[in-house]
Amino acid sequence: MLILLNIFMLFNIFMLLNIFILMFILLLLLILLLLLLLLLAADTTFSTRHIEHLFLFLFISSAATADSERSANYDSFLFEPGS
């Protein structure tokens, strides 16, 4: 029983570590995006239309990723072996 408890505690520690690493990576990506937007805003050759296109591209790509994940989950739910 004690061995199982130790394994469970290690699993929780690794899961928390993974969550913190992912949050750190997302924070770095957000900072990079903000720096990019600052550079685009500081450059006079870039208009607001370029920034709108950047946001539209990010929105469409994230929506497409979410849609593909959703359809993959739906397909795996429909076509389970043995059903």
Protein backbone atom coordinates (compact mmCIF):
# COMPACT_ATOMS: atom_id res chain seq x y z
CA MET A 1 0.00 0.00 0.00
CA LEU A 2 2.83 2.37 0.82
CA ILE A 3 4.48 1.64 -2.54
CA LEU A 4 1.25 2.48 -4.36
CA LEU A 5 0.96 5.71 -2.41
CA ASN A 6 4.54 6.67 -3.33
CA ILE A 7 3.89 5.95 -7.01
CA PHE A 8 0.70 8.03 -6.90
CA MET A 9 2.54 10.93 -5.25
CA LEU A 10 5.31 10.78 -7.87
CA PHE A 11 2.68 10.78 -10.62
CA ASN A 12 1.07 13.88 -9.12
CA ILE A 13 4.44 15.63 -8.84
CA PHE A 14 5.27 14.88 -12.49
CA MET A 15 1.80 16.00 -13.57
CA LEU A 16 2.20 19.29 -11.71
CA LEU A 17 5.66 19.72 -13.21
CA ASN A 18 4.26 19.19 -16.70
CA ILE A 19 1.50 21.71 -16.06
CA PHE A 20 3.99 24.32 -14.85
CA ILE A 21 6.25 23.69 -17.87
CA LEU A 22 3.30 24.08 -20.25
CA MET A 23 2.17 27.26 -18.51
CA PHE A 24 5.71 28.65 -18.75
CA ILE A 25 5.89 27.84 -22.47
CA LEU A 26 2.49 29.46 -23.05
CA LEU A 27 3.61 32.53 -21.14
CA LEU A 28 6.75 32.77 -23.28
CA LEU A 29 4.67 32.45 -26.45
CA LEU A 30 2.35 35.20 -25.23
CA ILE A 31 5.31 37.47 -24.50
CA LEU A 32 6.75 36.78 -27.95
CA LEU A 33 3.41 37.57 -29.56
CA LEU A 34 3.17 40.85 -27.66
CA LEU A 35 6.73 41.76 -28.67
CA LEU A 36 5.87 40.99 -32.28
CA LEU A 37 2.81 43.20 -32.07
CA LEU A 38 4.90 45.99 -30.56
CA LEU A 39 7.39 45.68 -33.40
CA LEU A 40 4.58 45.73 -35.94
CA ALA A 41 3.02 48.76 -34.29
CA ALA A 42 6.35 50.59 -34.16
CA ASP A 43 7.05 49.95 -37.84
CA THR A 44 5.32 52.62 -39.89
CA THR A 45 5.18 50.51 -43.06
CA PHE A 46 2.81 48.07 -41.38
CA SER A 47 -0.80 49.14 -41.27
CA THR A 48 -3.52 47.93 -38.98
CA ARG A 49 -4.67 45.65 -41.78
CA HIS A 50 -1.49 43.59 -41.37
CA ILE A 51 -2.18 43.19 -37.66
CA GLU A 52 -5.79 42.21 -38.44
CA HIS A 53 -4.52 39.57 -40.87
CA LEU A 54 -2.14 38.25 -38.23
CA PHE A 55 -4.97 37.89 -35.72
CA LEU A 56 -7.25 36.32 -38.32
CA PHE A 57 -4.55 33.80 -39.21
CA LEU A 58 -3.99 32.93 -35.54
CA PHE A 59 -7.73 32.60 -34.93
CA ILE A 60 -8.34 30.43 -38.00
CA SER A 61 -5.38 28.17 -37.27
CA SER A 62 -6.41 27.69 -33.64
CA ALA A 63 -10.02 27.01 -34.69
CA ALA A 64 -8.85 24.49 -37.30
CA THR A 65 -6.68 22.74 -34.71
CA ALA A 66 -9.56 22.56 -32.25
CA ASP A 67 -11.88 21.30 -34.99
CA SER A 68 -9.46 18.56 -36.07
CA GLU A 69 -9.01 17.46 -32.46
CA ARG A 70 -12.78 17.43 -31.96
CA SER A 71 -13.36 15.40 -35.12
CA ALA A 72 -10.58 12.97 -34.18
CA ASN A 73 -12.21 12.42 -30.80
CA TYR A 74 -15.59 12.00 -32.47
CA ASP A 75 -14.23 9.45 -34.96
CA SER A 76 -12.54 7.44 -32.23
CA PHE A 77 -15.81 7.47 -30.29
CA LEU A 78 -17.78 6.25 -33.29
CA PHE A 79 -15.42 3.55 -34.51
CA GLU A 80 -14.33 1.80 -31.36
CA PRO A 81 -13.28 -1.79 -31.96
CA GLY A 82 -15.86 -4.30 -30.83
CA SER A 83 -18.84 -1.99 -31.20
